[in-house]
Amino acid sequence: MDGKGLCLSFFDYKTEKYVVAKNKKVGLLYRLLQFGILLYLLLWVFLVKKGYQEVDTSLHSSVVTKVKGVAYTNTSELGVRLWDVADYVIPPQGENVFFIVTNLVVTPHQQQGVCAENEHIPDGRCSQDSDCPAGVPVKAGNGVKTGRCLLAGNSSRGTCEIFAWCPVETRSKPKKPLLGDAEDFTIYIKNFIHFPKFNFSKTNVLDTKDTTLLKSCHFGPKNHYCPIFRLGSVVRWAGSSFEDIALEGGVIGIHIEWNCDLDKPASECNPHYAFSRLDHSFEKSVSTGYNFRFAKYYRDAAGVEFRILMKAYGIRFDVLVNGKAGKFNIIPTVINLASGVALMSAAAFICDMVLIYIIKKSEFYRDKKFEKVRGQEQSALGTEDQTAGLEELPKTGLEKLPQAPLGSSSDSGFKGNGCVCQQLLEPARVTGGRLTPATGYLMGSSAPCVSPSSRPGSPESVNVELPQNPEAKQA
């Protein structure tokens, strides 16, 4: 295409042409695609996803937690002791993240002074005093080096002397959890939610004036409005063993999901709970579990400060709340309906591709679907071109026949029958791009020839004499 044709094609206008293709396979494909789109629109968009609703996901939530239960222990470090909620719950405020102690490593009666570093600390090992520069903290250790290397007996290897809380922690964790009774502790989780777009609020506690309800009920599949959970049950629902997680610690997530359909009564908006292990402790490794250290300080009668160091293992609980609320609105309904109708055009597009490019008779259907139509000026120019081409057609020989002047009689040997055949006098006409002879009959035809005088407004008849057959004259 030259530059002129490219510029002119910019002003072309394309309009749709509807062709009814009698092809059962393509027609069946078209109906199946329409049916699939309709099912998607009705079942998935409107029934499952509720595309007719306006949705609010900006959930405002508040969580309050309480733990109850007691445990009894008798150890050499702590003696006989009763543990209540003030001893094993950290922090005590009752937030959405809380920790329950299940195991302890206790180092009692620590006092600030100098002592040997733990032999299991690599940076605390030495063979001479120069290995322990004074004032340098022990990496991953318990204190600051004093400059001395303490050798054990006749051994050539020892540990650095440090200034720290002495004696340092040396014990490893026990083989059984210290607070084994924690399995029967109860966790109370109170949750308040609010959807600001719809001004809707609710809580997961049953709205009642019965003060004894929360002292006697427990959470169950049919009792979602009593959010009091047994700790052992929560661990089991998360897919873990209480003995393992209580010994080394771990993290459990408590998920509260609120999916509220506000086109229904508020009583149908209920919380759904799920429990999972968040620290993914699938294999035993050095990073397995959850622990931290804390201390309790006191002074003796002489005013000397001491402390009890505790390395606590336990279960950390993360309460995670999310949800959404939906309510009917005409705007998303119309948008989803329009999107579904627009998808119907995809079915037509796919069938068009199959019809004009894939099937065996694609070329035939393609010619029927796409047609170029010219304007009137271009059509007139095309007709002139075709007429000019007719002038170059081969001569028929009729122009060699002698003709008498109109309105005159002649004795040149031609005898007329009082009529003239139109095919000899009128030129052929161009109809639809084809050469069409003028109406009339050749002389000698059995059909009568039309006399010019018989036509309205025609001149007088023209006599044309044809040569006579000599044999006919003799006869």
Protein backbone atom coordinates (compact mmCIF):
# COMPACT_ATOMS: atom_id res chain seq x y z
CA MET A 1 0.00 0.00 0.00
CA ASP A 2 1.43 3.36 -1.06
CA GLY A 3 1.48 6.46 1.10
CA LYS A 4 -1.68 7.90 -0.44
CA GLY A 5 -3.63 4.72 0.10
CA LEU A 6 -2.39 4.51 3.69
CA CYS A 7 -3.56 8.05 4.38
CA LEU A 8 -6.94 7.44 2.78
CA SER A 9 -7.43 4.24 4.78
CA PHE A 10 -7.30 6.37 7.92
CA PHE A 11 -10.72 7.75 7.02
CA ASP A 12 -12.30 4.32 6.46
CA TYR A 13 -15.18 3.41 8.75
CA LYS A 14 -15.83 -0.16 9.81
CA THR A 15 -19.33 -1.26 10.76
CA GLU A 16 -20.66 -4.65 11.80
CA LYS A 17 -22.18 -7.02 9.30
CA TYR A 18 -24.28 -9.84 10.70
CA VAL A 19 -23.89 -13.15 8.91
CA VAL A 20 -26.03 -16.13 9.92
CA ALA A 21 -23.73 -19.13 9.60
CA LYS A 22 -25.61 -22.43 9.31
CA ASN A 23 -22.89 -24.39 11.10
CA LYS A 24 -24.09 -26.64 13.91
CA LYS A 25 -20.67 -27.13 15.51
CA VAL A 26 -19.94 -23.43 15.79
CA GLY A 27 -23.50 -22.76 16.92
CA LEU A 28 -23.20 -25.41 19.65
CA LEU A 29 -19.86 -23.94 20.77
CA TYR A 30 -21.46 -20.47 20.95
CA ARG A 31 -24.36 -21.69 23.13
CA LEU A 32 -22.02 -23.63 25.43
CA LEU A 33 -19.84 -20.56 25.95
CA GLN A 34 -22.91 -18.44 26.69
CA PHE A 35 -24.18 -21.03 29.16
CA GLY A 36 -20.80 -21.18 30.92
CA ILE A 37 -20.63 -17.40 31.24
CA LEU A 38 -24.18 -17.34 32.60
CA LEU A 39 -23.35 -19.99 35.21
CA TYR A 40 -20.23 -18.05 36.22
CA LEU A 41 -22.26 -14.88 36.61
CA LEU A 42 -25.07 -16.44 38.64
CA LEU A 43 -23.23 -19.01 40.77
CA TRP A 44 -19.80 -17.48 41.37
CA VAL A 45 -20.31 -13.72 41.09
CA PHE A 46 -23.73 -13.39 42.74
CA LEU A 47 -24.20 -16.53 44.86
CA VAL A 48 -20.67 -17.18 46.16
CA LYS A 49 -19.02 -13.76 46.03
CA LYS A 50 -22.26 -11.82 46.58
CA GLY A 51 -21.48 -9.35 43.83
CA TYR A 52 -24.71 -7.47 44.53
CA GLN A 53 -23.38 -6.18 47.88
CA GLU A 54 -21.28 -3.23 48.95
CA VAL A 55 -18.45 -4.51 51.17
CA ASP A 56 -16.73 -2.97 54.21
CA THR A 57 -13.35 -4.50 55.14
CA SER A 58 -12.17 -1.72 57.47
CA LEU A 59 -12.89 -3.70 60.62
CA HIS A 60 -12.26 -2.00 63.97
CA SER A 61 -11.49 -4.56 66.67
CA SER A 62 -10.53 -4.72 70.34
CA VAL A 63 -9.41 -7.84 72.23
CA VAL A 64 -9.35 -8.45 76.00
CA THR A 65 -7.90 -11.69 77.40
CA LYS A 66 -7.89 -13.35 80.81
CA VAL A 67 -6.27 -16.58 81.96
CA LYS A 68 -7.34 -18.55 85.02
CA GLY A 69 -5.90 -21.59 86.77
CA VAL A 70 -3.39 -22.62 89.44
CA ALA A 71 -0.42 -25.04 89.47
CA TYR A 72 1.56 -26.64 92.32
CA THR A 73 5.34 -27.33 92.15
CA ASN A 74 8.04 -28.59 94.49
CA THR A 75 11.64 -28.06 93.28
CA SER A 76 15.05 -27.75 94.87
CA GLU A 77 15.52 -24.23 93.55
CA LEU A 78 12.11 -22.83 94.52
CA GLY A 79 10.85 -25.30 97.08
CA VAL A 80 7.10 -25.76 97.46
CA ARG A 81 5.27 -23.19 95.47
CA LEU A 82 1.79 -22.42 94.19
CA TRP A 83 1.55 -20.68 90.81
CA ASP A 84 -1.41 -18.49 89.99
CA VAL A 85 -2.22 -16.14 87.09
CA ALA A 86 -0.01 -13.35 88.47
CA ASP A 87 3.02 -15.67 88.31
CA TYR A 88 2.78 -17.30 84.90
CA VAL A 89 0.97 -14.77 82.61
CA ILE A 90 3.10 -12.13 80.91
CA PRO A 91 2.07 -9.33 80.45
CA PRO A 92 -0.67 -9.15 83.06
CA GLN A 93 -2.78 -6.51 81.21
CA GLY A 94 -4.62 -9.04 79.06
CA GLU A 95 -3.85 -7.90 75.51
CA ASN A 96 -4.27 -9.65 72.17
CA VAL A 97 -0.73 -11.09 72.57
CA PHE A 98 0.03 -12.89 75.83
CA PHE A 99 2.40 -15.54 77.14
CA ILE A 100 1.80 -18.45 79.52
CA VAL A 101 4.83 -19.94 81.30
CA THR A 102 4.95 -23.75 81.16
CA ASN A 103 8.60 -24.48 81.96
CA LEU A 104 11.44 -22.76 83.87
CA VAL A 105 15.18 -22.88 84.35
CA VAL A 106 15.85 -21.14 87.70
CA THR A 107 19.17 -19.71 88.86
CA PRO A 108 18.60 -18.50 92.46
CA HIS A 109 20.50 -16.08 94.70
CA GLN A 110 22.51 -14.25 92.10
CA GLN A 111 24.68 -11.38 93.33
CA GLN A 112 26.89 -8.98 91.38
CA GLY A 113 30.57 -9.96 91.69
CA VAL A 114 33.33 -11.87 89.90
CA CYS A 115 33.13 -15.51 88.86
CA ALA A 116 34.08 -17.87 86.05
CA GLU A 117 32.25 -17.65 82.72
CA ASN A 118 30.18 -20.58 81.55
CA GLU A 119 32.42 -23.12 79.82
CA HIS A 120 29.90 -23.53 76.97
CA ILE A 121 30.46 -19.91 75.84
CA PRO A 122 33.13 -20.00 73.05
CA ASP A 123 34.37 -16.44 73.65
CA GLY A 124 34.82 -17.19 77.35
CA ARG A 125 37.40 -19.93 76.87
CA CYS A 126 41.11 -19.20 77.43
CA SER A 127 44.53 -20.70 78.04
CA GLN A 128 46.32 -17.61 79.42
CA ASP A 129 45.49 -14.17 80.78
CA SER A 130 46.10 -12.46 77.46
CA ASP A 131 43.08 -14.29 76.09
CA CYS A 132 40.89 -12.31 78.49
CA PRO A 133 41.53 -8.57 77.95
CA ALA A 134 40.05 -6.56 80.79
CA GLY A 135 36.88 -4.58 80.20
CA VAL A 136 35.84 -6.50 77.06
CA PRO A 137 32.35 -8.06 77.19
CA VAL A 138 32.06 -11.74 76.47
CA LYS A 139 30.27 -12.27 73.17
CA ALA A 140 26.94 -14.03 73.81
CA GLY A 141 28.11 -14.36 77.41
CA ASN A 142 27.09 -13.21 80.88
CA GLY A 143 29.55 -10.43 81.85
CA VAL A 144 32.73 -8.39 81.27
CA LYS A 145 36.23 -9.90 81.30
CA THR A 146 38.52 -8.91 84.17
CA GLY A 147 41.85 -9.89 82.58
CA ARG A 148 42.34 -13.21 84.34
CA CYS A 149 42.14 -16.74 82.93
CA LEU A 150 40.91 -19.28 85.45
CA LEU A 151 42.34 -22.76 84.82
CA ALA A 152 40.61 -25.81 86.24
CA GLY A 153 43.21 -27.86 88.16
CA ASN A 154 46.14 -28.97 85.98
CA SER A 155 44.21 -28.39 82.76
CA SER A 156 45.73 -26.13 80.11
CA ARG A 157 42.31 -24.74 79.15
CA GLY A 158 39.99 -22.70 81.33
CA THR A 159 37.50 -19.85 81.26
CA CYS A 160 37.84 -16.12 81.69
CA GLU A 161 36.96 -14.45 84.93
CA ILE A 162 34.07 -12.01 84.49
CA PHE A 163 32.22 -9.38 86.43
CA ALA A 164 28.55 -10.43 86.34
CA TRP A 165 25.59 -11.69 88.31
CA CYS A 166 27.12 -14.71 89.96
CA PRO A 167 26.79 -17.62 89.84
CA VAL A 168 26.04 -17.61 86.12
CA GLU A 169 23.28 -19.69 84.59
CA THR A 170 24.54 -23.21 83.98
CA ARG A 171 21.55 -25.49 84.03
CA SER A 172 19.79 -26.75 80.91
CA LYS A 173 16.02 -27.04 80.59
CA PRO A 174 14.33 -29.92 82.46
CA LYS A 175 13.11 -32.99 80.58
CA LYS A 176 9.53 -32.46 81.76
CA PRO A 177 7.55 -29.20 81.85
CA LEU A 178 7.55 -27.56 85.27
CA LEU A 179 3.90 -26.42 85.00
CA GLY A 180 2.34 -29.59 83.65
CA ASP A 181 -1.00 -28.57 85.13
CA ALA A 182 -1.17 -25.64 82.69
CA GLU A 183 -3.03 -27.93 80.28
CA ASP A 184 -6.20 -27.29 82.27
CA PHE A 185 -5.86 -23.52 82.41
CA THR A 186 -8.69 -21.56 80.76
CA ILE A 187 -8.37 -18.61 78.38
CA TYR A 188 -11.15 -16.04 78.11
CA ILE A 189 -11.05 -13.99 74.88
CA LYS A 190 -13.48 -11.08 74.62
CA ASN A 191 -13.68 -9.42 71.20
CA PHE A 192 -15.50 -6.24 70.16
CA ILE A 193 -15.90 -5.37 66.46
CA HIS A 194 -17.31 -2.39 64.52
CA PHE A 195 -17.90 -1.84 60.79
CA PRO A 196 -17.88 1.97 60.34
CA LYS A 197 -19.40 2.05 56.83
CA PHE A 198 -22.62 0.38 58.03
CA ASN A 199 -22.38 1.54 61.68
CA PHE A 200 -22.66 -2.08 62.84
CA SER A 201 -21.16 -3.36 66.10
CA LYS A 202 -21.12 -6.72 67.83
CA THR A 203 -19.25 -8.82 70.40
CA ASN A 204 -18.46 -12.51 70.71
CA VAL A 205 -19.97 -12.77 74.21
CA LEU A 206 -23.63 -13.65 74.61
CA ASP A 207 -25.71 -10.63 75.51
CA THR A 208 -27.24 -11.74 78.83
CA LYS A 209 -27.58 -10.59 82.42
CA ASP A 210 -26.77 -14.03 83.85
CA THR A 211 -23.60 -13.48 85.92
CA THR A 212 -22.96 -17.21 86.27
CA LEU A 213 -22.79 -17.90 82.53
CA LEU A 214 -19.06 -17.24 82.09
CA LYS A 215 -18.24 -19.26 85.21
CA SER A 216 -19.80 -22.45 83.95
CA CYS A 217 -19.71 -22.47 80.13
CA HIS A 218 -16.95 -23.51 77.76
CA PHE A 219 -16.44 -22.97 74.06
CA GLY A 220 -17.81 -25.65 71.77
CA PRO A 221 -19.06 -26.21 68.21
CA LYS A 222 -22.59 -25.25 69.30
CA ASN A 223 -21.59 -22.58 71.80
CA HIS A 224 -19.69 -19.85 69.91
CA TYR A 225 -20.82 -17.11 72.30
CA CYS A 226 -18.95 -18.50 75.30
CA PRO A 227 -15.31 -17.69 74.37
CA ILE A 228 -13.69 -19.59 77.25
CA PHE A 229 -11.12 -22.06 75.91
CA ARG A 230 -9.24 -24.86 77.63
CA LEU A 231 -5.52 -24.42 76.97
CA GLY A 232 -4.92 -28.09 76.17
CA SER A 233 -7.80 -28.07 73.67
CA VAL A 234 -6.42 -25.00 71.90
CA VAL A 235 -3.01 -26.68 71.52
CA ARG A 236 -4.64 -29.84 70.18
CA TRP A 237 -6.81 -27.88 67.69
CA ALA A 238 -3.61 -26.21 66.45
CA GLY A 239 -2.21 -29.65 65.62
CA SER A 240 0.43 -29.86 68.38
CA SER A 241 1.15 -31.95 71.44
CA PHE A 242 0.90 -30.19 74.78
CA GLU A 243 3.91 -32.08 76.22
CA ASP A 244 6.18 -30.95 73.36
CA ILE A 245 5.10 -27.32 73.22
CA ALA A 246 5.07 -26.94 77.00
CA LEU A 247 8.63 -28.27 77.23
CA GLU A 248 10.29 -26.07 74.60
CA GLY A 249 7.68 -23.38 73.96
CA GLY A 250 5.93 -22.25 70.79
CA VAL A 251 3.58 -19.73 69.19
CA ILE A 252 -0.11 -20.41 68.52
CA GLY A 253 -2.44 -18.19 66.55
CA ILE A 254 -6.11 -17.83 67.47
CA HIS A 255 -7.98 -16.50 64.43
CA ILE A 256 -11.40 -14.88 64.81
CA GLU A 257 -13.23 -14.35 61.52
CA TRP A 258 -16.32 -12.14 61.13
CA ASN A 259 -18.13 -12.48 57.79
CA CYS A 260 -21.42 -10.64 58.17
CA ASP A 261 -24.23 -10.54 55.63
CA LEU A 262 -26.14 -7.48 56.79
CA ASP A 263 -29.04 -8.27 54.46
CA LYS A 264 -29.88 -10.90 57.08
CA PRO A 265 -30.69 -10.36 60.79
CA ALA A 266 -27.81 -9.40 63.10
CA SER A 267 -28.13 -12.76 64.85
CA GLU A 268 -26.78 -14.40 61.67
CA CYS A 269 -23.46 -12.54 62.03
CA ASN A 270 -21.42 -15.02 64.08
CA PRO A 271 -17.69 -15.35 64.85
CA HIS A 272 -15.71 -18.27 63.45
CA TYR A 273 -12.58 -19.52 65.22
CA ALA A 274 -9.49 -21.21 63.83
CA PHE A 275 -6.25 -22.28 65.54
CA SER A 276 -2.79 -22.79 64.05
CA ARG A 277 0.85 -23.22 65.03
CA LEU A 278 2.65 -20.09 63.86
CA ASP A 279 6.30 -20.98 64.54
CA HIS A 280 6.19 -23.98 62.17
CA SER A 281 8.15 -26.32 64.39
CA PHE A 282 8.14 -29.35 62.08
CA GLU A 283 11.63 -30.62 62.92
CA LYS A 284 13.88 -30.49 65.93
CA SER A 285 16.47 -27.72 65.54
CA VAL A 286 18.40 -25.17 67.57
CA SER A 287 15.68 -22.58 66.84
CA THR A 288 12.79 -24.75 68.01
CA GLY A 289 10.56 -23.33 70.70
CA TYR A 290 10.04 -19.98 72.41
CA ASN A 291 11.74 -18.68 75.56
CA PHE A 292 13.01 -15.54 77.27
CA ARG A 293 14.58 -14.52 80.57
CA PHE A 294 13.38 -12.35 83.42
CA ALA A 295 14.40 -11.83 87.02
CA LYS A 296 12.88 -11.10 90.43
CA TYR A 297 14.94 -8.88 92.76
CA TYR A 298 15.16 -8.74 96.54
CA ARG A 299 17.49 -7.63 99.36
CA ASP A 300 18.64 -9.50 102.41
CA ALA A 301 18.70 -8.17 105.96
CA ALA A 302 22.07 -6.51 105.36
CA GLY A 303 20.70 -4.65 102.33
CA VAL A 304 22.62 -6.66 99.76
CA GLU A 305 20.75 -6.95 96.44
CA PHE A 306 20.04 -10.40 95.07
CA ARG A 307 17.91 -11.73 92.26
CA ILE A 308 16.37 -14.95 91.00
CA LEU A 309 17.02 -15.44 87.26
CA MET A 310 14.34 -17.36 85.38
CA LYS A 311 14.58 -18.64 81.84
CA ALA A 312 10.94 -19.12 80.90
CA TYR A 313 9.64 -21.51 78.27
CA GLY A 314 6.01 -21.31 77.33
CA ILE A 315 3.27 -20.70 74.81
CA ARG A 316 2.76 -17.35 73.18
CA PHE A 317 -0.77 -16.68 71.90
CA ASP A 318 -1.51 -14.20 69.10
CA VAL A 319 -5.21 -13.32 68.75
CA LEU A 320 -5.81 -12.25 65.13
CA VAL A 321 -9.15 -10.68 64.16
CA ASN A 322 -10.32 -9.95 60.62
CA GLY A 323 -13.54 -9.93 58.67
CA LYS A 324 -15.86 -8.07 56.33
CA ALA A 325 -19.48 -7.01 56.11
CA GLY A 326 -21.66 -6.77 53.03
CA LYS A 327 -25.00 -5.14 52.26
CA PHE A 328 -27.07 -4.81 49.07
CA ASN A 329 -26.30 -1.83 46.86
CA ILE A 330 -27.55 -1.13 43.36
CA ILE A 331 -24.20 0.18 42.08
CA PRO A 332 -22.13 -3.03 42.44
CA THR A 333 -25.13 -4.99 41.19
CA VAL A 334 -25.31 -3.01 37.95
CA ILE A 335 -21.52 -3.10 37.51
CA ASN A 336 -21.37 -6.88 37.83
CA LEU A 337 -24.35 -7.35 35.52
CA ALA A 338 -22.72 -5.14 32.90
CA SER A 339 -19.47 -7.06 33.25
CA GLY A 340 -21.33 -10.32 32.71
CA VAL A 341 -23.04 -8.99 29.59
CA ALA A 342 -19.69 -7.77 28.29
CA LEU A 343 -18.29 -11.26 28.77
CA MET A 344 -20.90 -12.53 26.32
CA SER A 345 -18.97 -10.75 23.56
CA ALA A 346 -16.03 -13.01 24.34
CA ALA A 347 -18.14 -15.98 23.25
CA ALA A 348 -18.87 -14.27 19.92
CA PHE A 349 -15.19 -13.40 19.47
CA ILE A 350 -14.07 -17.00 20.06
CA CYS A 351 -16.68 -18.35 17.66
CA ASP A 352 -15.63 -15.78 15.02
CA MET A 353 -12.05 -16.95 15.28
CA VAL A 354 -13.13 -20.57 14.88
CA LEU A 355 -15.45 -19.73 11.98
CA ILE A 356 -13.14 -17.61 9.85
CA TYR A 357 -9.73 -19.09 10.68
CA ILE A 358 -9.96 -22.68 11.97
CA ILE A 359 -12.71 -24.71 10.27
CA LYS A 360 -12.28 -26.10 6.74
CA LYS A 361 -14.59 -23.57 5.04
CA SER A 362 -13.06 -20.61 6.86
CA GLU A 363 -12.18 -18.78 3.62
CA PHE A 364 -15.81 -18.93 2.44
CA TYR A 365 -17.13 -17.54 5.73
CA ARG A 366 -14.40 -14.91 5.80
CA ASP A 367 -15.45 -13.62 2.38
CA LYS A 368 -19.05 -13.43 3.53
CA LYS A 369 -18.22 -11.60 6.75
CA PHE A 370 -15.87 -8.91 5.37
CA GLU A 371 -17.05 -6.75 2.45
CA LYS A 372 -15.66 -3.49 1.07
CA VAL A 373 -18.28 -0.90 0.08
CA ARG A 374 -17.30 2.20 -1.94
CA GLY A 375 -18.97 5.62 -1.89
CA GLN A 376 -21.07 7.04 -4.77
CA GLU A 377 -18.22 9.11 -6.26
CA GLN A 378 -15.89 6.12 -6.29
CA SER A 379 -18.66 3.96 -7.80
CA ALA A 380 -19.20 6.52 -10.66
CA LEU A 381 -15.49 6.53 -11.39
CA GLY A 382 -15.50 2.75 -11.48
CA THR A 383 -18.45 2.75 -13.92
CA GLU A 384 -16.66 5.14 -16.30
CA ASP A 385 -13.63 2.89 -16.22
CA GLN A 386 -15.76 -0.09 -17.09
CA THR A 387 -17.51 1.82 -19.96
CA ALA A 388 -14.17 2.91 -21.35
CA GLY A 389 -13.10 -0.69 -21.35
CA LEU A 390 -16.07 -1.66 -23.46
CA GLU A 391 -14.86 0.56 -26.28
CA GLU A 392 -11.86 -1.70 -26.61
CA LEU A 393 -13.97 -4.84 -27.09
CA PRO A 394 -13.57 -6.66 -30.52
CA LYS A 395 -15.72 -5.29 -33.36
CA THR A 396 -18.80 -7.35 -34.25
CA GLY A 397 -18.82 -6.40 -37.94
CA LEU A 398 -22.22 -4.78 -37.77
CA GLU A 399 -20.65 -1.37 -38.33
CA LYS A 400 -19.78 -2.43 -41.89
CA LEU A 401 -23.41 -2.77 -42.87
CA PRO A 402 -24.61 0.10 -45.14
CA GLN A 403 -27.17 2.33 -43.50
CA ALA A 404 -29.68 4.60 -45.17
CA PRO A 405 -30.33 8.03 -43.87
CA LEU A 406 -33.25 8.33 -41.57
CA GLY A 407 -36.44 9.46 -43.30
CA SER A 408 -35.21 8.73 -46.86
CA SER A 409 -35.99 6.01 -49.44
CA SER A 410 -33.35 4.36 -51.57
CA ASP A 411 -33.20 2.16 -54.63
CA SER A 412 -29.82 0.73 -53.72
CA GLY A 413 -31.11 -2.79 -53.77
CA PHE A 414 -32.09 -3.01 -50.15
CA LYS A 415 -35.70 -3.68 -49.48
CA GLY A 416 -37.20 -2.87 -46.14
CA ASN A 417 -39.93 -4.53 -44.22
CA GLY A 418 -40.97 -1.28 -42.54
CA CYS A 419 -39.08 -1.82 -39.24
CA VAL A 420 -35.67 -1.57 -37.82
CA CYS A 421 -34.19 -4.01 -35.30
CA GLN A 422 -33.11 -2.15 -32.17
CA GLN A 423 -30.05 -4.26 -31.75
CA LEU A 424 -28.60 -2.71 -34.89
CA LEU A 425 -29.35 0.89 -33.89
CA GLU A 426 -28.90 1.02 -30.11
CA PRO A 427 -25.62 0.38 -28.29
CA ALA A 428 -25.23 -2.29 -25.63
CA ARG A 429 -25.84 -1.16 -22.04
CA VAL A 430 -23.68 -1.75 -18.98
CA THR A 431 -25.66 -3.18 -16.08
CA GLY A 432 -23.92 -4.17 -12.83
CA GLY A 433 -20.52 -4.19 -14.50
CA ARG A 434 -21.62 -6.63 -17.24
CA LEU A 435 -22.24 -6.06 -20.97
CA THR A 436 -25.97 -6.52 -21.66
CA PRO A 437 -27.33 -6.39 -25.23
CA ALA A 438 -30.18 -4.00 -25.93
CA THR A 439 -33.65 -5.44 -26.06
CA GLY A 440 -34.84 -6.48 -29.51
CA TYR A 441 -34.67 -9.33 -32.00
CA LEU A 442 -32.38 -9.99 -34.92
CA MET A 443 -33.80 -9.89 -38.38
CA GLY A 444 -34.97 -13.18 -39.55
CA SER A 445 -36.15 -14.00 -36.06
CA SER A 446 -39.58 -15.46 -35.64
CA ALA A 447 -40.43 -12.70 -33.15
CA PRO A 448 -41.83 -9.49 -34.65
CA CYS A 449 -39.53 -6.49 -34.75
CA VAL A 450 -40.77 -3.27 -33.16
CA SER A 451 -41.40 -0.47 -35.58
CA PRO A 452 -39.83 2.84 -34.62
CA SER A 453 -43.00 4.63 -35.57
CA SER A 454 -44.92 2.58 -33.06
CA ARG A 455 -42.88 4.00 -30.18
CA PRO A 456 -44.05 7.25 -28.65
CA GLY A 457 -42.05 10.25 -29.85
CA SER A 458 -40.10 8.22 -32.39
CA PRO A 459 -39.37 9.48 -35.91
CA GLU A 460 -40.97 8.07 -39.00
CA SER A 461 -40.15 4.53 -40.02
CA VAL A 462 -36.86 3.76 -41.58
CA ASN A 463 -36.74 1.40 -44.52
CA VAL A 464 -33.69 -0.73 -44.77
CA GLU A 465 -33.39 -2.86 -47.90
CA LEU A 466 -31.47 -6.06 -47.65
CA PRO A 467 -29.90 -7.77 -50.68
CA GLN A 468 -32.21 -10.35 -52.21
CA ASN A 469 -31.15 -13.86 -52.89
CA PRO A 470 -30.65 -14.29 -56.73
CA GLU A 471 -32.11 -17.77 -56.59
CA ALA A 472 -35.21 -16.35 -54.95
CA LYS A 473 -35.59 -13.87 -57.86
CA GLN A 474 -35.42 -16.60 -60.44
CA ALA A 475 -38.06 -18.49 -58.61
